[in-house]
C-alpha cells in the first residue's frame, strides 16, 4: 500500500467525490431532468439535491441507489471516475 502525503489523499478523495457528482449531473442533464424533478423524486429539497451534484454532501449507498434508479443508470457507471467531467472551481 502506498502512503501518500495527507493532503494528497484528501485531494484524491475530493476528486473522486466530485467525479461521482459530475456523473450524476451529466446523466440528469442527458435525461433532461431538472434538479427540482430529481429532488422531488428523492423527497429532498432542490438545495439539498444541488449540494449532491456539487459534491458538497456525502451521500449514503442507499441514496446512491435511489439516484441511479431515478436516472435509470447503473450504480457502477456512476462510480467510474471521469476527472475530465469535473468542473474546476475558479
Protein backbone atom coordinates (compact mmCIF):
# COMPACT_ATOMS: atom_id res chain seq x y z
CA UNK A 1 0.00 0.00 0.00
CA UNK A 2 1.26 3.45 -0.89
CA UNK A 3 1.37 6.15 1.73
CA UNK A 4 0.62 9.45 0.07
CA UNK A 5 1.08 12.73 1.90
CA UNK A 6 -2.11 13.53 3.88
CA UNK A 7 -3.12 16.41 1.63
CA UNK A 8 -2.69 14.28 -1.49
CA UNK A 9 -5.06 11.63 -0.09
CA UNK A 10 -7.63 14.35 0.59
CA UNK A 11 -7.18 15.72 -2.92
CA UNK A 12 -7.68 12.28 -4.49
CA UNK A 13 -10.80 11.63 -2.41
CA UNK A 14 -12.20 15.06 -3.28
CA UNK A 15 -11.58 14.40 -6.98
CA UNK A 16 -13.37 11.05 -6.76
CA UNK A 17 -16.37 12.57 -4.96
CA UNK A 18 -16.60 15.39 -7.49
CA UNK A 19 -16.32 12.89 -10.34
CA UNK A 20 -19.27 10.91 -8.98
CA UNK A 21 -21.23 14.13 -8.56
CA UNK A 22 -20.36 15.10 -12.16
CA UNK A 23 -21.53 11.70 -13.39
CA UNK A 24 -24.86 12.20 -11.63
CA UNK A 25 -25.24 15.71 -13.06
CA UNK A 26 -24.29 14.56 -16.56
CA UNK A 27 -26.82 11.74 -16.52
CA UNK A 28 -29.54 14.06 -15.16
CA UNK A 29 -28.86 16.54 -17.95
CA UNK A 30 -28.81 13.71 -20.51
CA UNK A 31 -32.30 12.72 -19.33
CA UNK A 32 -33.41 16.37 -19.49
CA UNK A 33 -34.43 16.21 -15.84
CA UNK A 34 -34.29 19.29 -13.65
CA UNK A 35 -32.76 19.35 -10.21
CA UNK A 36 -36.25 20.06 -8.91
CA UNK A 37 -37.55 16.87 -10.53
CA UNK A 38 -34.79 14.72 -9.03
CA UNK A 39 -35.20 16.37 -5.64
CA UNK A 40 -38.94 15.66 -5.68
CA UNK A 41 -38.33 12.01 -6.64
CA UNK A 42 -35.84 11.70 -3.78
CA UNK A 43 -38.11 13.58 -1.36
CA UNK A 44 -35.46 16.22 -0.59
CA UNK A 45 -35.20 19.93 -1.30
CA UNK A 46 -33.73 21.24 -4.54
CA UNK A 47 -30.99 22.88 -2.46
CA UNK A 48 -30.09 19.54 -0.85
CA UNK A 49 -30.01 17.89 -4.28
CA UNK A 50 -27.83 20.68 -5.67
CA UNK A 51 -25.29 20.02 -2.92
CA UNK A 52 -25.14 16.37 -4.01
CA UNK A 53 -24.29 17.39 -7.58
CA UNK A 54 -21.69 19.85 -6.35
CA UNK A 55 -20.07 17.17 -4.21
CA UNK A 56 -20.69 19.13 -1.00
CA UNK A 57 -22.88 16.43 0.55
CA UNK A 58 -21.71 12.92 1.27
CA UNK A 59 -24.40 10.51 0.15
CA UNK A 60 -25.27 7.11 1.52
CA UNK A 61 -25.20 3.95 -0.54
CA UNK A 62 -28.98 3.90 -0.25
CA UNK A 63 -29.22 7.43 -1.70
CA UNK A 64 -26.82 6.47 -4.49
CA UNK A 65 -29.08 3.56 -5.46
CA UNK A 66 -32.14 5.84 -5.33
CA UNK A 67 -30.47 8.35 -7.65
CA UNK A 68 -29.36 5.61 -10.04
CA UNK A 69 -32.90 4.21 -10.09
CA UNK A 70 -34.48 7.58 -10.93
CA UNK A 71 -31.86 8.21 -13.63
CA UNK A 72 -32.21 4.64 -14.96
CA UNK A 73 -28.46 4.30 -14.66
CA UNK A 74 -26.20 1.57 -13.30
CA UNK A 75 -24.63 2.44 -9.95
CA UNK A 76 -21.29 1.06 -11.15
CA UNK A 77 -21.29 3.58 -14.01
CA UNK A 78 -21.88 6.43 -11.58
CA UNK A 79 -18.86 5.33 -9.57
CA UNK A 80 -16.46 5.32 -12.53
CA UNK A 81 -14.16 8.29 -12.05
CA UNK A 82 -14.05 10.60 -15.06
CA UNK A 83 -11.85 13.53 -13.98
CA UNK A 84 -12.33 15.26 -17.33
CA UNK A 85 -16.01 15.81 -16.43
CA UNK A 86 -15.25 17.58 -13.16
CA UNK A 87 -15.76 21.32 -13.22
CA UNK A 88 -12.92 23.19 -11.59
CA UNK A 89 -13.92 25.99 -9.24
CA UNK A 90 -12.26 29.28 -10.09
